[in-house]
Amino acid sequence: MTLDQLSDYPYLTYQYDDQLLHFAEEAINVGAIDKIVYLEDRGNMINLLSCTDGYNLGNGCIVKNFMHDNITAIPLKDGNLIQVGILTRQDRVLSEDLVLFIDLLKQALVKAAPKT
């Protein structure tokens, strides 16, 4: 799948407010998209993705029991690699609960990663 093949479909994305548009999560030039729908809530975006022909670009992870079954991850040909990470302060020690959460999150991302 290429971005050109998606040009007839609406691109769905969410943002918190107009001023943060340049901090969008997706690595895409939205200026080149003709049909774009901005939503203020990720849940609404997921619902629209599940019942329309709209699309979104992301890391391809589909989390079971969170995402609708009819949402599918399709690799984008010549797409950019999206890395998921965490930033921490050097002067702070992470709590055991936070370390456990990060470990569980990593495991969930591995399980949810697109199958190649």
PDB file of N, CA and C in Angstrom:
ATOM      1  N   MET A   1       0.852  -1.167   0.000  1.00  0.00           N
ATOM      2  CA  MET A   1       0.000   0.000   0.000  1.00  0.00           C
ATOM      3  C   MET A   1       0.904   1.237   0.000  1.00  0.00           C
ATOM      4  N   THR A   2       0.517   2.232  -0.781  1.00  0.00           N
ATOM      5  CA  THR A   2       1.264   3.487  -0.840  1.00  0.00           C
ATOM      6  C   THR A   2       0.335   4.640  -0.444  1.00  0.00           C
ATOM      7  N   LEU A   3       0.915   5.774  -0.126  1.00  0.00           N
ATOM      8  CA  LEU A   3       0.110   6.951   0.196  1.00  0.00           C
ATOM      9  C   LEU A   3      -0.742   7.376  -0.992  1.00  0.00           C
ATOM     10  N   ASP A   4      -0.230   7.213  -2.200  1.00  0.00           N
ATOM     11  CA  ASP A   4      -1.014   7.554  -3.392  1.00  0.00           C
ATOM     12  C   ASP A   4      -2.277   6.702  -3.481  1.00  0.00           C
ATOM     13  N   GLN A   5      -2.178   5.440  -3.119  1.00  0.00           N
ATOM     14  CA  GLN A   5      -3.338   4.554  -3.160  1.00  0.00           C
ATOM     15  C   GLN A   5      -4.384   4.943  -2.112  1.00  0.00           C
ATOM     16  N   LEU A   6      -3.977   5.655  -1.088  1.00  0.00           N
ATOM     17  CA  LEU A   6      -4.888   6.067  -0.022  1.00  0.00           C
ATOM     18  C   LEU A   6      -5.519   7.434  -0.272  1.00  0.00           C
ATOM     19  N   SER A   7      -5.143   8.100  -1.353  1.00  0.00           N
ATOM     20  CA  SER A   7      -5.555   9.490  -1.569  1.00  0.00           C
ATOM     21  C   SER A   7      -7.073   9.684  -1.685  1.00  0.00           C
ATOM     22  N   ASP A   8      -7.821   8.667  -2.064  1.00  0.00           N
ATOM     23  CA  ASP A   8      -9.280   8.796  -2.172  1.00  0.00           C
ATOM     24  C   ASP A   8      -9.991   8.635  -0.833  1.00  0.00           C
ATOM     25  N   TYR A   9      -9.264   8.238   0.200  1.00  0.00           N
ATOM     26  CA  TYR A   9      -9.869   7.957   1.504  1.00  0.00           C
ATOM     27  C   TYR A   9      -9.526   9.049   2.511  1.00  0.00           C
ATOM     28  N   PRO A  10     -10.411   9.280   3.478  1.00  0.00           N
ATOM     29  CA  PRO A  10     -10.109  10.306   4.487  1.00  0.00           C
ATOM     30  C   PRO A  10      -9.059   9.815   5.484  1.00  0.00           C
ATOM     31  N   TYR A  11      -8.158  10.708   5.806  1.00  0.00           N
ATOM     32  CA  TYR A  11      -7.132  10.449   6.817  1.00  0.00           C
ATOM     33  C   TYR A  11      -7.679  10.918   8.151  1.00  0.00           C
ATOM     34  N   LEU A  12      -7.714  10.028   9.127  1.00  0.00           N
ATOM     35  CA  LEU A  12      -8.242  10.361  10.450  1.00  0.00           C
ATOM     36  C   LEU A  12      -7.092  10.545  11.428  1.00  0.00           C
ATOM     37  N   THR A  13      -7.115  11.641  12.141  1.00  0.00           N
ATOM     38  CA  THR A  13      -6.079  11.905  13.132  1.00  0.00           C
ATOM     39  C   THR A  13      -6.691  12.686  14.279  1.00  0.00           C
ATOM     40  N   TYR A  14      -6.031  12.677  15.393  1.00  0.00           N
ATOM     41  CA  TYR A  14      -6.554  13.470  16.505  1.00  0.00           C
ATOM     42  C   TYR A  14      -5.495  14.420  17.024  1.00  0.00           C
ATOM     43  N   GLN A  15      -5.981  15.490  17.589  1.00  0.00           N
ATOM     44  CA  GLN A  15      -5.118  16.501  18.197  1.00  0.00           C
ATOM     45  C   GLN A  15      -5.860  17.095  19.379  1.00  0.00           C
ATOM     46  N   TYR A  16      -5.093  17.615  20.304  1.00  0.00           N
ATOM     47  CA  TYR A  16      -5.710  18.179  21.501  1.00  0.00           C
ATOM     48  C   TYR A  16      -6.256  19.571  21.274  1.00  0.00           C
ATOM     49  N   ASP A  17      -5.567  20.363  20.485  1.00  0.00           N
ATOM     50  CA  ASP A  17      -6.056  21.695  20.131  1.00  0.00           C
ATOM     51  C   ASP A  17      -5.298  22.178  18.902  1.00  0.00           C
ATOM     52  N   ASP A  18      -5.737  23.277  18.306  1.00  0.00           N
ATOM     53  CA  ASP A  18      -5.151  23.768  17.060  1.00  0.00           C
ATOM     54  C   ASP A  18      -3.683  24.153  17.193  1.00  0.00           C
ATOM     55  N   GLN A  19      -3.269  24.584  18.365  1.00  0.00           N
ATOM     56  CA  GLN A  19      -1.902  25.051  18.527  1.00  0.00           C
ATOM     57  C   GLN A  19      -0.889  23.907  18.523  1.00  0.00           C
ATOM     58  N   LEU A  20      -1.331  22.670  18.799  1.00  0.00           N
ATOM     59  CA  LEU A  20      -0.397  21.551  18.874  1.00  0.00           C
ATOM     60  C   LEU A  20      -0.342  20.735  17.593  1.00  0.00           C
ATOM     61  N   LEU A  21      -0.883  21.254  16.508  1.00  0.00           N
ATOM     62  CA  LEU A  21      -0.925  20.512  15.262  1.00  0.00           C
ATOM     63  C   LEU A  21       0.459  20.061  14.815  1.00  0.00           C
ATOM     64  N   HIS A  22       1.471  20.893  15.021  1.00  0.00           N
ATOM     65  CA  HIS A  22       2.812  20.531  14.582  1.00  0.00           C
ATOM     66  C   HIS A  22       3.465  19.482  15.484  1.00  0.00           C
ATOM     67  N   PHE A  23       2.769  19.053  16.550  1.00  0.00           N
ATOM     68  CA  PHE A  23       3.263  17.979  17.402  1.00  0.00           C
ATOM     69  C   PHE A  23       2.458  16.698  17.195  1.00  0.00           C
ATOM     70  N   ALA A  24       1.909  16.512  16.018  1.00  0.00           N
ATOM     71  CA  ALA A  24       1.108  15.329  15.723  1.00  0.00           C
ATOM     72  C   ALA A  24       1.944  14.071  15.926  1.00  0.00           C
ATOM     73  N   GLU A  25       1.284  12.981  16.302  1.00  0.00           N
ATOM     74  CA  GLU A  25       1.977  11.731  16.544  1.00  0.00           C
ATOM     75  C   GLU A  25       2.433  11.044  15.264  1.00  0.00           C
ATOM     76  N   GLU A  26       1.734  11.268  14.183  1.00  0.00           N
ATOM     77  CA  GLU A  26       2.055  10.584  12.950  1.00  0.00           C
ATOM     78  C   GLU A  26       3.165  11.308  12.205  1.00  0.00           C
ATOM     79  N   ALA A  27       4.021  10.525  11.570  1.00  0.00           N
ATOM     80  CA  ALA A  27       5.118  11.096  10.792  1.00  0.00           C
ATOM     81  C   ALA A  27       4.662  11.242   9.345  1.00  0.00           C
ATOM     82  N   ILE A  28       3.806  12.226   9.093  1.00  0.00           N
ATOM     83  CA  ILE A  28       3.263  12.425   7.754  1.00  0.00           C
ATOM     84  C   ILE A  28       3.045  13.916   7.531  1.00  0.00           C
ATOM     85  N   ASN A  29       3.210  14.338   6.294  1.00  0.00           N
ATOM     86  CA  ASN A  29       2.951  15.723   5.922  1.00  0.00           C
ATOM     87  C   ASN A  29       1.461  15.860   5.628  1.00  0.00           C
ATOM     88  N   VAL A  30       0.694  16.365   6.569  1.00  0.00           N
ATOM     89  CA  VAL A  30      -0.759  16.468   6.379  1.00  0.00           C
ATOM     90  C   VAL A  30      -1.127  17.499   5.329  1.00  0.00           C
ATOM     91  N   GLY A  31      -0.193  18.383   4.976  1.00  0.00           N
ATOM     92  CA  GLY A  31      -0.460  19.373   3.939  1.00  0.00           C
ATOM     93  C   GLY A  31      -0.656  18.737   2.570  1.00  0.00           C
ATOM     94  N   ALA A  32      -0.164  17.520   2.401  1.00  0.00           N
ATOM     95  CA  ALA A  32      -0.277  16.830   1.114  1.00  0.00           C
ATOM     96  C   ALA A  32      -1.531  15.954   1.038  1.00  0.00           C
ATOM     97  N   ILE A  33      -2.364  15.971   2.068  1.00  0.00           N
ATOM     98  CA  ILE A  33      -3.563  15.125   2.112  1.00  0.00           C
ATOM     99  C   ILE A  33      -4.791  15.982   1.823  1.00  0.00           C
ATOM    100  N   ASP A  34      -5.612  15.532   0.870  1.00  0.00           N
ATOM    101  CA  ASP A  34      -6.810  16.283   0.485  1.00  0.00           C
ATOM    102  C   ASP A  34      -7.957  16.110   1.468  1.00  0.00           C
ATOM    103  N   LYS A  35      -8.138  14.905   1.973  1.00  0.00           N
ATOM    104  CA  LYS A  35      -9.261  14.603   2.875  1.00  0.00           C
ATOM    105  C   LYS A  35      -8.703  14.257   4.247  1.00  0.00           C
ATOM    106  N   ILE A  36      -8.902  15.164   5.189  1.00  0.00           N
ATOM    107  CA  ILE A  36      -8.377  14.937   6.538  1.00  0.00           C
ATOM    108  C   ILE A  36      -9.448  15.286   7.559  1.00  0.00           C
ATOM    109  N   VAL A  37      -9.582  14.432   8.558  1.00  0.00           N
ATOM    110  CA  VAL A  37     -10.555  14.637   9.628  1.00  0.00           C
ATOM    111  C   VAL A  37      -9.789  14.698  10.940  1.00  0.00           C
ATOM    112  N   TYR A  38      -9.912  15.829  11.640  1.00  0.00           N
ATOM    113  CA  TYR A  38      -9.274  15.988  12.941  1.00  0.00           C
ATOM    114  C   TYR A  38     -10.287  15.648  14.024  1.00  0.00           C
ATOM    115  N   LEU A  39      -9.866  14.839  14.967  1.00  0.00           N
ATOM    116  CA  LEU A  39     -10.716  14.464  16.094  1.00  0.00           C
ATOM    117  C   LEU A  39     -10.005  14.848  17.375  1.00  0.00           C
ATOM    118  N   GLU A  40     -10.771  15.134  18.409  1.00  0.00           N
ATOM    119  CA  GLU A  40     -10.171  15.527  19.685  1.00  0.00           C
ATOM    120  C   GLU A  40     -10.070  14.367  20.664  1.00  0.00           C
ATOM    121  N   ASP A  41     -10.414  13.177  20.201  1.00  0.00           N
ATOM    122  CA  ASP A  41     -10.444  12.024  21.099  1.00  0.00           C
ATOM    123  C   ASP A  41      -9.991  10.775  20.347  1.00  0.00           C
ATOM    124  N   ARG A  42      -9.040  10.050  20.904  1.00  0.00           N
ATOM    125  CA  ARG A  42      -8.521   8.846  20.264  1.00  0.00           C
ATOM    126  C   ARG A  42      -9.606   7.779  20.152  1.00  0.00           C
ATOM    127  N   GLY A  43     -10.488   7.674  21.139  1.00  0.00           N
ATOM    128  CA  GLY A  43     -11.568   6.693  21.094  1.00  0.00           C
ATOM    129  C   GLY A  43     -12.497   6.931  19.921  1.00  0.00           C
ATOM    130  N   ASN A  44     -12.833   8.197  19.675  1.00  0.00           N
ATOM    131  CA  ASN A  44     -13.669   8.518  18.516  1.00  0.00           C
ATOM    132  C   ASN A  44     -12.955   8.171  17.217  1.00  0.00           C
ATOM    133  N   MET A  45     -11.649   8.383  17.175  1.00  0.00           N
ATOM    134  CA  MET A  45     -10.903   8.047  15.978  1.00  0.00           C
ATOM    135  C   MET A  45     -10.949   6.537  15.738  1.00  0.00           C
ATOM    136  N   ILE A  46     -10.770   5.760  16.782  1.00  0.00           N
ATOM    137  CA  ILE A  46     -10.812   4.301  16.649  1.00  0.00           C
ATOM    138  C   ILE A  46     -12.191   3.852  16.184  1.00  0.00           C
ATOM    139  N   ASN A  47     -13.246   4.448  16.736  1.00  0.00           N
ATOM    140  CA  ASN A  47     -14.598   4.102  16.297  1.00  0.00           C
ATOM    141  C   ASN A  47     -14.807   4.425  14.826  1.00  0.00           C
ATOM    142  N   LEU A  48     -14.350   5.588  14.378  1.00  0.00           N
ATOM    143  CA  LEU A  48     -14.482   5.945  12.970  1.00  0.00           C
ATOM    144  C   LEU A  48     -13.645   5.032  12.073  1.00  0.00           C
ATOM    145  N   LEU A  49     -12.470   4.665  12.525  1.00  0.00           N
ATOM    146  CA  LEU A  49     -11.648   3.740  11.749  1.00  0.00           C
ATOM    147  C   LEU A  49     -12.348   2.402  11.571  1.00  0.00           C
ATOM    148  N   SER A  50     -13.103   1.986  12.591  1.00  0.00           N
ATOM    149  CA  SER A  50     -13.733   0.664  12.547  1.00  0.00           C
ATOM    150  C   SER A  50     -14.973   0.621  11.662  1.00  0.00           C
ATOM    151  N   CYS A  51     -15.564   1.770  11.358  1.00  0.00           N
ATOM    152  CA  CYS A  51     -16.825   1.737  10.608  1.00  0.00           C
ATOM    153  C   CYS A  51     -16.824   2.620   9.364  1.00  0.00           C
ATOM    154  N   THR A  52     -15.659   3.094   8.934  1.00  0.00           N
ATOM    155  CA  THR A  52     -15.568   3.902   7.712  1.00  0.00           C
ATOM    156  C   THR A  52     -14.399   3.402   6.868  1.00  0.00           C
ATOM    157  N   ASP A  53     -14.203   4.033   5.740  1.00  0.00           N
ATOM    158  CA  ASP A  53     -13.052   3.726   4.886  1.00  0.00           C
ATOM    159  C   ASP A  53     -11.865   4.626   5.210  1.00  0.00           C
ATOM    160  N   GLY A  54     -11.909   5.311   6.348  1.00  0.00           N
ATOM    161  CA  GLY A  54     -10.815   6.187   6.741  1.00  0.00           C
ATOM    162  C   GLY A  54      -9.592   5.392   7.149  1.00  0.00           C
ATOM    163  N   TYR A  55      -8.465   6.085   7.210  1.00  0.00           N
ATOM    164  CA  TYR A  55      -7.224   5.435   7.615  1.00  0.00           C
ATOM    165  C   TYR A  55      -6.431   6.359   8.530  1.00  0.00           C
ATOM    166  N   ASN A  56      -5.468   5.778   9.201  1.00  0.00           N
ATOM    167  CA  ASN A  56      -4.556   6.491  10.076  1.00  0.00           C
ATOM    168  C   ASN A  56      -3.201   5.828   9.928  1.00  0.00           C
ATOM    169  N   LEU A  57      -2.141   6.552  10.138  1.00  0.00           N
ATOM    170  CA  LEU A  57      -0.809   5.968  10.092  1.00  0.00           C
ATOM    171  C   LEU A  57      -0.262   5.884  11.501  1.00  0.00           C
ATOM    172  N   GLY A  58       0.349   4.760  11.809  1.00  0.00           N
ATOM    173  CA  GLY A  58       0.892   4.572  13.148  1.00  0.00           C
ATOM    174  C   GLY A  58       1.957   3.501  13.128  1.00  0.00           C
ATOM    175  N   ASN A  59       2.172   2.898  14.286  1.00  0.00           N
ATOM    176  CA  ASN A  59       3.219   1.881  14.399  1.00  0.00           C
ATOM    177  C   ASN A  59       2.745   0.497  13.982  1.00  0.00           C
ATOM    178  N   GLY A  60       1.465   0.344  13.666  1.00  0.00           N
ATOM    179  CA  GLY A  60       0.941  -0.931  13.184  1.00  0.00           C
ATOM    180  C   GLY A  60       0.525  -1.891  14.271  1.00  0.00           C
ATOM    181  N   CYS A  61       0.707  -1.519  15.525  1.00  0.00           N
ATOM    182  CA  CYS A  61       0.326  -2.410  16.622  1.00  0.00           C
ATOM    183  C   CYS A  61      -1.188  -2.382  16.815  1.00  0.00           C
ATOM    184  N   ILE A  62      -1.801  -3.554  16.779  1.00  0.00           N
ATOM    185  CA  ILE A  62      -3.231  -3.688  17.017  1.00  0.00           C
ATOM    186  C   ILE A  62      -3.385  -4.400  18.354  1.00  0.00           C
ATOM    187  N   VAL A  63      -3.882  -3.715  19.350  1.00  0.00           N
ATOM    188  CA  VAL A  63      -4.013  -4.269  20.700  1.00  0.00           C
ATOM    189  C   VAL A  63      -5.346  -4.992  20.819  1.00  0.00           C
ATOM    190  N   LYS A  64      -5.293  -6.302  21.056  1.00  0.00           N
ATOM    191  CA  LYS A  64      -6.513  -7.092  21.200  1.00  0.00           C
ATOM    192  C   LYS A  64      -7.298  -6.614  22.413  1.00  0.00           C
ATOM    193  N   ASN A  65      -8.609  -6.711  22.312  1.00  0.00           N
ATOM    194  CA  ASN A  65      -9.545  -6.300  23.362  1.00  0.00           C
ATOM    195  C   ASN A  65      -9.546  -4.791  23.596  1.00  0.00           C
ATOM    196  N   PHE A  66      -8.868  -4.042  22.750  1.00  0.00           N
ATOM    197  CA  PHE A  66      -8.897  -2.587  22.826  1.00  0.00           C
ATOM    198  C   PHE A  66      -9.343  -2.009  21.489  1.00  0.00           C
ATOM    199  N   MET A  67      -8.765  -2.531  20.419  1.00  0.00           N
ATOM    200  CA  MET A  67      -9.103  -2.089  19.076  1.00  0.00           C
ATOM    201  C   MET A  67     -10.231  -2.961  18.535  1.00  0.00           C
ATOM    202  N   HIS A  68     -11.046  -2.401  17.669  1.00  0.00           N
ATOM    203  CA  HIS A  68     -12.095  -3.168  17.018  1.00  0.00           C
ATOM    204  C   HIS A  68     -11.465  -4.231  16.116  1.00  0.00           C
ATOM    205  N   ASP A  69     -12.128  -5.381  16.023  1.00  0.00           N
ATOM    206  CA  ASP A  69     -11.598  -6.489  15.228  1.00  0.00           C
ATOM    207  C   ASP A  69     -11.454  -6.157  13.747  1.00  0.00           C
ATOM    208  N   ASN A  70     -12.249  -5.225  13.239  1.00  0.00           N
ATOM    209  CA  ASN A  70     -12.183  -4.918  11.811  1.00  0.00           C
ATOM    210  C   ASN A  70     -11.182  -3.807  11.471  1.00  0.00           C
ATOM    211  N   ILE A  71     -10.342  -3.427  12.407  1.00  0.00           N
ATOM    212  CA  ILE A  71      -9.239  -2.504  12.115  1.00  0.00           C
ATOM    213  C   ILE A  71      -8.020  -3.357  11.807  1.00  0.00           C
ATOM    214  N   THR A  72      -7.409  -3.096  10.662  1.00  0.00           N
ATOM    215  CA  THR A  72      -6.288  -3.901  10.190  1.00  0.00           C
ATOM    216  C   THR A  72      -5.065  -3.031   9.971  1.00  0.00           C
ATOM    217  N   ALA A  73      -3.917  -3.554  10.327  1.00  0.00           N
ATOM    218  CA  ALA A  73      -2.653  -2.864  10.067  1.00  0.00           C
ATOM    219  C   ALA A  73      -2.101  -3.357   8.734  1.00  0.00           C
ATOM    220  N   ILE A  74      -1.852  -2.430   7.831  1.00  0.00           N
ATOM    221  CA  ILE A  74      -1.282  -2.755   6.520  1.00  0.00           C
ATOM    222  C   ILE A  74       0.009  -1.951   6.389  1.00  0.00           C
ATOM    223  N   PRO A  75       1.131  -2.630   6.150  1.00  0.00           N
ATOM    224  CA  PRO A  75       2.399  -1.893   6.015  1.00  0.00           C
ATOM    225  C   PRO A  75       2.344  -0.908   4.850  1.00  0.00           C
ATOM    226  N   LEU A  76       2.902   0.247   5.063  1.00  0.00           N
ATOM    227  CA  LEU A  76       2.981   1.286   4.039  1.00  0.00           C
ATOM    228  C   LEU A  76       4.294   1.111   3.283  1.00  0.00           C
ATOM    229  N   LYS A  77       4.193   0.946   1.969  1.00  0.00           N
ATOM    230  CA  LYS A  77       5.393   0.775   1.156  1.00  0.00           C
ATOM    231  C   LYS A  77       6.229   2.050   1.226  1.00  0.00           C
ATOM    232  N   ASP A  78       7.498   1.877   1.440  1.00  0.00           N
ATOM    233  CA  ASP A  78       8.433   3.004   1.550  1.00  0.00           C
ATOM    234  C   ASP A  78       8.056   3.954   2.678  1.00  0.00           C
ATOM    235  N   GLY A  79       7.412   3.436   3.724  1.00  0.00           N
ATOM    236  CA  GLY A  79       7.027   4.263   4.863  1.00  0.00           C
ATOM    237  C   GLY A  79       8.205   4.521   5.786  1.00  0.00           C
ATOM    238  N   ASN A  80       8.033   5.496   6.632  1.00  0.00           N
ATOM    239  CA  ASN A  80       9.060   5.822   7.625  1.00  0.00           C
ATOM    240  C   ASN A  80       8.960   4.868   8.805  1.00  0.00           C
ATOM    241  N   LEU A  81      10.091   4.535   9.378  1.00  0.00           N
ATOM    242  CA  LEU A  81      10.124   3.723  10.583  1.00  0.00           C
ATOM    243  C   LEU A  81       9.672   4.582  11.760  1.00  0.00           C
ATOM    244  N   ILE A  82       8.734   4.074  12.520  1.00  0.00           N
ATOM    245  CA  ILE A  82       8.266   4.792  13.709  1.00  0.00           C
ATOM    246  C   ILE A  82       8.796   4.059  14.933  1.00  0.00           C
ATOM    247  N   GLN A  83       9.523   4.766  15.757  1.00  0.00           N
ATOM    248  CA  GLN A  83      10.057   4.171  16.968  1.00  0.00           C
ATOM    249  C   GLN A  83       9.248   4.652  18.160  1.00  0.00           C
ATOM    250  N   VAL A  84       8.941   3.712  19.043  1.00  0.00           N
ATOM    251  CA  VAL A  84       8.231   4.026  20.269  1.00  0.00           C
ATOM    252  C   VAL A  84       9.251   3.996  21.389  1.00  0.00           C
ATOM    253  N   GLY A  85       9.234   5.007  22.242  1.00  0.00           N
ATOM    254  CA  GLY A  85      10.231   5.056  23.303  1.00  0.00           C
ATOM    255  C   GLY A  85       9.719   5.752  24.536  1.00  0.00           C
ATOM    256  N   ILE A  86      10.555   5.833  25.514  1.00  0.00           N
ATOM    257  CA  ILE A  86      10.233   6.505  26.768  1.00  0.00           C
ATOM    258  C   ILE A  86      11.407   7.416  27.128  1.00  0.00           C
ATOM    259  N   LEU A  87      11.089   8.589  27.618  1.00  0.00           N
ATOM    260  CA  LEU A  87      12.104   9.527  28.091  1.00  0.00           C
ATOM    261  C   LEU A  87      12.038   9.576  29.606  1.00  0.00           C
ATOM    262  N   THR A  88      13.176   9.504  30.233  1.00  0.00           N
ATOM    263  CA  THR A  88      13.229   9.595  31.692  1.00  0.00           C
ATOM    264  C   THR A  88      14.282  10.626  32.084  1.00  0.00           C
ATOM    265  N   ARG A  89      14.136  11.118  33.286  1.00  0.00           N
ATOM    266  CA  ARG A  89      15.123  12.057  33.812  1.00  0.00           C
ATOM    267  C   ARG A  89      16.251  11.273  34.460  1.00  0.00           C
ATOM    268  N   GLN A  90      17.479  11.726  34.253  1.00  0.00           N
ATOM    269  CA  GLN A  90      18.632  11.033  34.837  1.00  0.00           C
ATOM    270  C   GLN A  90      18.683  11.164  36.349  1.00  0.00           C
ATOM    271  N   ASP A  91      18.092  12.221  36.874  1.00  0.00           N
ATOM    272  CA  ASP A  91      18.175  12.458  38.317  1.00  0.00           C
ATOM    273  C   ASP A  91      17.029  11.791  39.084  1.00  0.00           C
ATOM    274  N   ARG A  92      16.245  10.956  38.435  1.00  0.00           N
ATOM    275  CA  ARG A  92      15.119  10.272  39.084  1.00  0.00           C
ATOM    276  C   ARG A  92      15.275   8.761  38.942  1.00  0.00           C
ATOM    277  N   VAL A  93      14.935   8.048  39.984  1.00  0.00           N
ATOM    278  CA  VAL A  93      14.925   6.582  39.954  1.00  0.00           C
ATOM    279  C   VAL A  93      13.488   6.145  39.712  1.00  0.00           C
ATOM    280  N   LEU A  94      13.304   5.240  38.752  1.00  0.00           N
ATOM    281  CA  LEU A  94      11.964   4.749  38.444  1.00  0.00           C
ATOM    282  C   LEU A  94      11.493   3.802  39.544  1.00  0.00           C
ATOM    283  N   SER A  95      10.248   3.939  39.921  1.00  0.00           N
ATOM    284  CA  SER A  95       9.691   3.055  40.940  1.00  0.00           C
ATOM    285  C   SER A  95       9.568   1.637  40.392  1.00  0.00           C
ATOM    286  N   GLU A  96       9.468   0.647  41.280  1.00  0.00           N
ATOM    287  CA  GLU A  96       9.301  -0.746  40.849  1.00  0.00           C
ATOM    288  C   GLU A  96       8.028  -0.906  40.023  1.00  0.00           C
ATOM    289  N   ASP A  97       6.962  -0.213  40.439  1.00  0.00           N
ATOM    290  CA  ASP A  97       5.701  -0.304  39.694  1.00  0.00           C
ATOM    291  C   ASP A  97       5.859   0.242  38.277  1.00  0.00           C
ATOM    292  N   LEU A  98       6.581   1.342  38.141  1.00  0.00           N
ATOM    293  CA  LEU A  98       6.776   1.924  36.825  1.00  0.00           C
ATOM    294  C   LEU A  98       7.647   1.024  35.955  1.00  0.00           C
ATOM    295  N   VAL A  99       8.683   0.437  36.525  1.00  0.00           N
ATOM    296  CA  VAL A  99       9.543  -0.492  35.780  1.00  0.00           C
ATOM    297  C   VAL A  99       8.724  -1.695  35.319  1.00  0.00           C
ATOM    298  N   LEU A 100       7.853  -2.210  36.179  1.00  0.00           N
ATOM    299  CA  LEU A 100       6.986  -3.326  35.821  1.00  0.00           C
ATOM    300  C   LEU A 100       6.031  -2.922  34.694  1.00  0.00           C
ATOM    301  N   PHE A 101       5.445  -1.718  34.815  1.00  0.00           N
ATOM    302  CA  PHE A 101       4.542  -1.222  33.777  1.00  0.00           C
ATOM    303  C   PHE A 101       5.258  -1.123  32.437  1.00  0.00           C
ATOM    304  N   ILE A 102       6.462  -0.578  32.418  1.00  0.00           N
ATOM    305  CA  ILE A 102       7.229  -0.433  31.182  1.00  0.00           C
ATOM    306  C   ILE A 102       7.522  -1.809  30.582  1.00  0.00           C
ATOM    307  N   ASP A 103       7.872  -2.776  31.427  1.00  0.00           N
ATOM    308  CA  ASP A 103       8.139  -4.130  30.946  1.00  0.00           C
ATOM    309  C   ASP A 103       6.881  -4.747  30.338  1.00  0.00           C
ATOM    310  N   LEU A 104       5.744  -4.591  31.004  1.00  0.00           N
ATOM    311  CA  LEU A 104       4.486  -5.125  30.481  1.00  0.00           C
ATOM    312  C   LEU A 104       4.088  -4.425  29.182  1.00  0.00           C
ATOM    313  N   LEU A 105       4.341  -3.130  29.105  1.00  0.00           N
ATOM    314  CA  LEU A 105       4.047  -2.384  27.888  1.00  0.00           C
ATOM    315  C   LEU A 105       4.907  -2.887  26.728  1.00  0.00           C
ATOM    316  N   LYS A 106       6.184  -3.129  26.985  1.00  0.00           N
ATOM    317  CA  LYS A 106       7.065  -3.665  25.943  1.00  0.00           C
ATOM    318  C   LYS A 106       6.561  -5.017  25.454  1.00  0.00           C
ATOM    319  N   GLN A 107       6.155  -5.875  26.382  1.00  0.00           N
ATOM    320  CA  GLN A 107       5.634  -7.196  26.010  1.00  0.00           C
ATOM    321  C   GLN A 107       4.365  -7.059  25.171  1.00  0.00           C
ATOM    322  N   ALA A 108       3.490  -6.139  25.555  1.00  0.00           N
ATOM    323  CA  ALA A 108       2.239  -5.938  24.813  1.00  0.00           C
ATOM    324  C   ALA A 108       2.524  -5.432  23.401  1.00  0.00           C
ATOM    325  N   LEU A 109       3.499  -4.539  23.260  1.00  0.00           N
ATOM    326  CA  LEU A 109       3.849  -4.023  21.936  1.00  0.00           C
ATOM    327  C   LEU A 109       4.423  -5.123  21.049  1.00  0.00           C
ATOM    328  N   VAL A 110       5.214  -6.010  21.619  1.00  0.00           N
ATOM    329  CA  VAL A 110       5.765  -7.135  20.833  1.00  0.00           C
ATOM    330  C   VAL A 110       4.632  -8.036  20.360  1.00  0.00           C
ATOM    331  N   LYS A 111       3.670  -8.338  21.238  1.00  0.00           N
ATOM    332  CA  LYS A 111       2.541  -9.179  20.860  1.00  0.00           C
ATOM    333  C   LYS A 111       1.644  -8.517  19.827  1.00  0.00           C
ATOM    334  N   ALA A 112       1.530  -7.198  19.892  1.00  0.00           N
ATOM    335  CA  ALA A 112       0.616  -6.469  19.008  1.00  0.00           C
ATOM    336  C   ALA A 112       1.266  -6.035  17.706  1.00  0.00           C
ATOM    337  N   ALA A 113       2.565  -6.250  17.578  1.00  0.00           N
ATOM    338  CA  ALA A 113       3.281  -5.789  16.381  1.00  0.00           C
ATOM    339  C   ALA A 113       2.740  -6.471  15.136  1.00  0.00           C
ATOM    340  N   PRO A 114       2.757  -5.763  14.017  1.00  0.00           N
ATOM    341  CA  PRO A 114       2.292  -6.370  12.764  1.00  0.00           C
ATOM    342  C   PRO A 114       3.094  -7.621  12.428  1.00  0.00           C
ATOM    343  N   LYS A 115       2.406  -8.620  11.913  1.00  0.00           N
ATOM    344  CA  LYS A 115       3.073  -9.852  11.495  1.00  0.00           C
ATOM    345  C   LYS A 115       3.662  -9.643  10.111  1.00  0.00           C
ATOM    346  N   THR A 116       4.890 -10.045   9.927  1.00  0.00           N
ATOM    347  CA  THR A 116       5.534  -9.862   8.620  1.00  0.00           C
ATOM    348  C   THR A 116       5.543 -11.139   7.825  1.00  0.00           C
TER     349      THR A 116
END
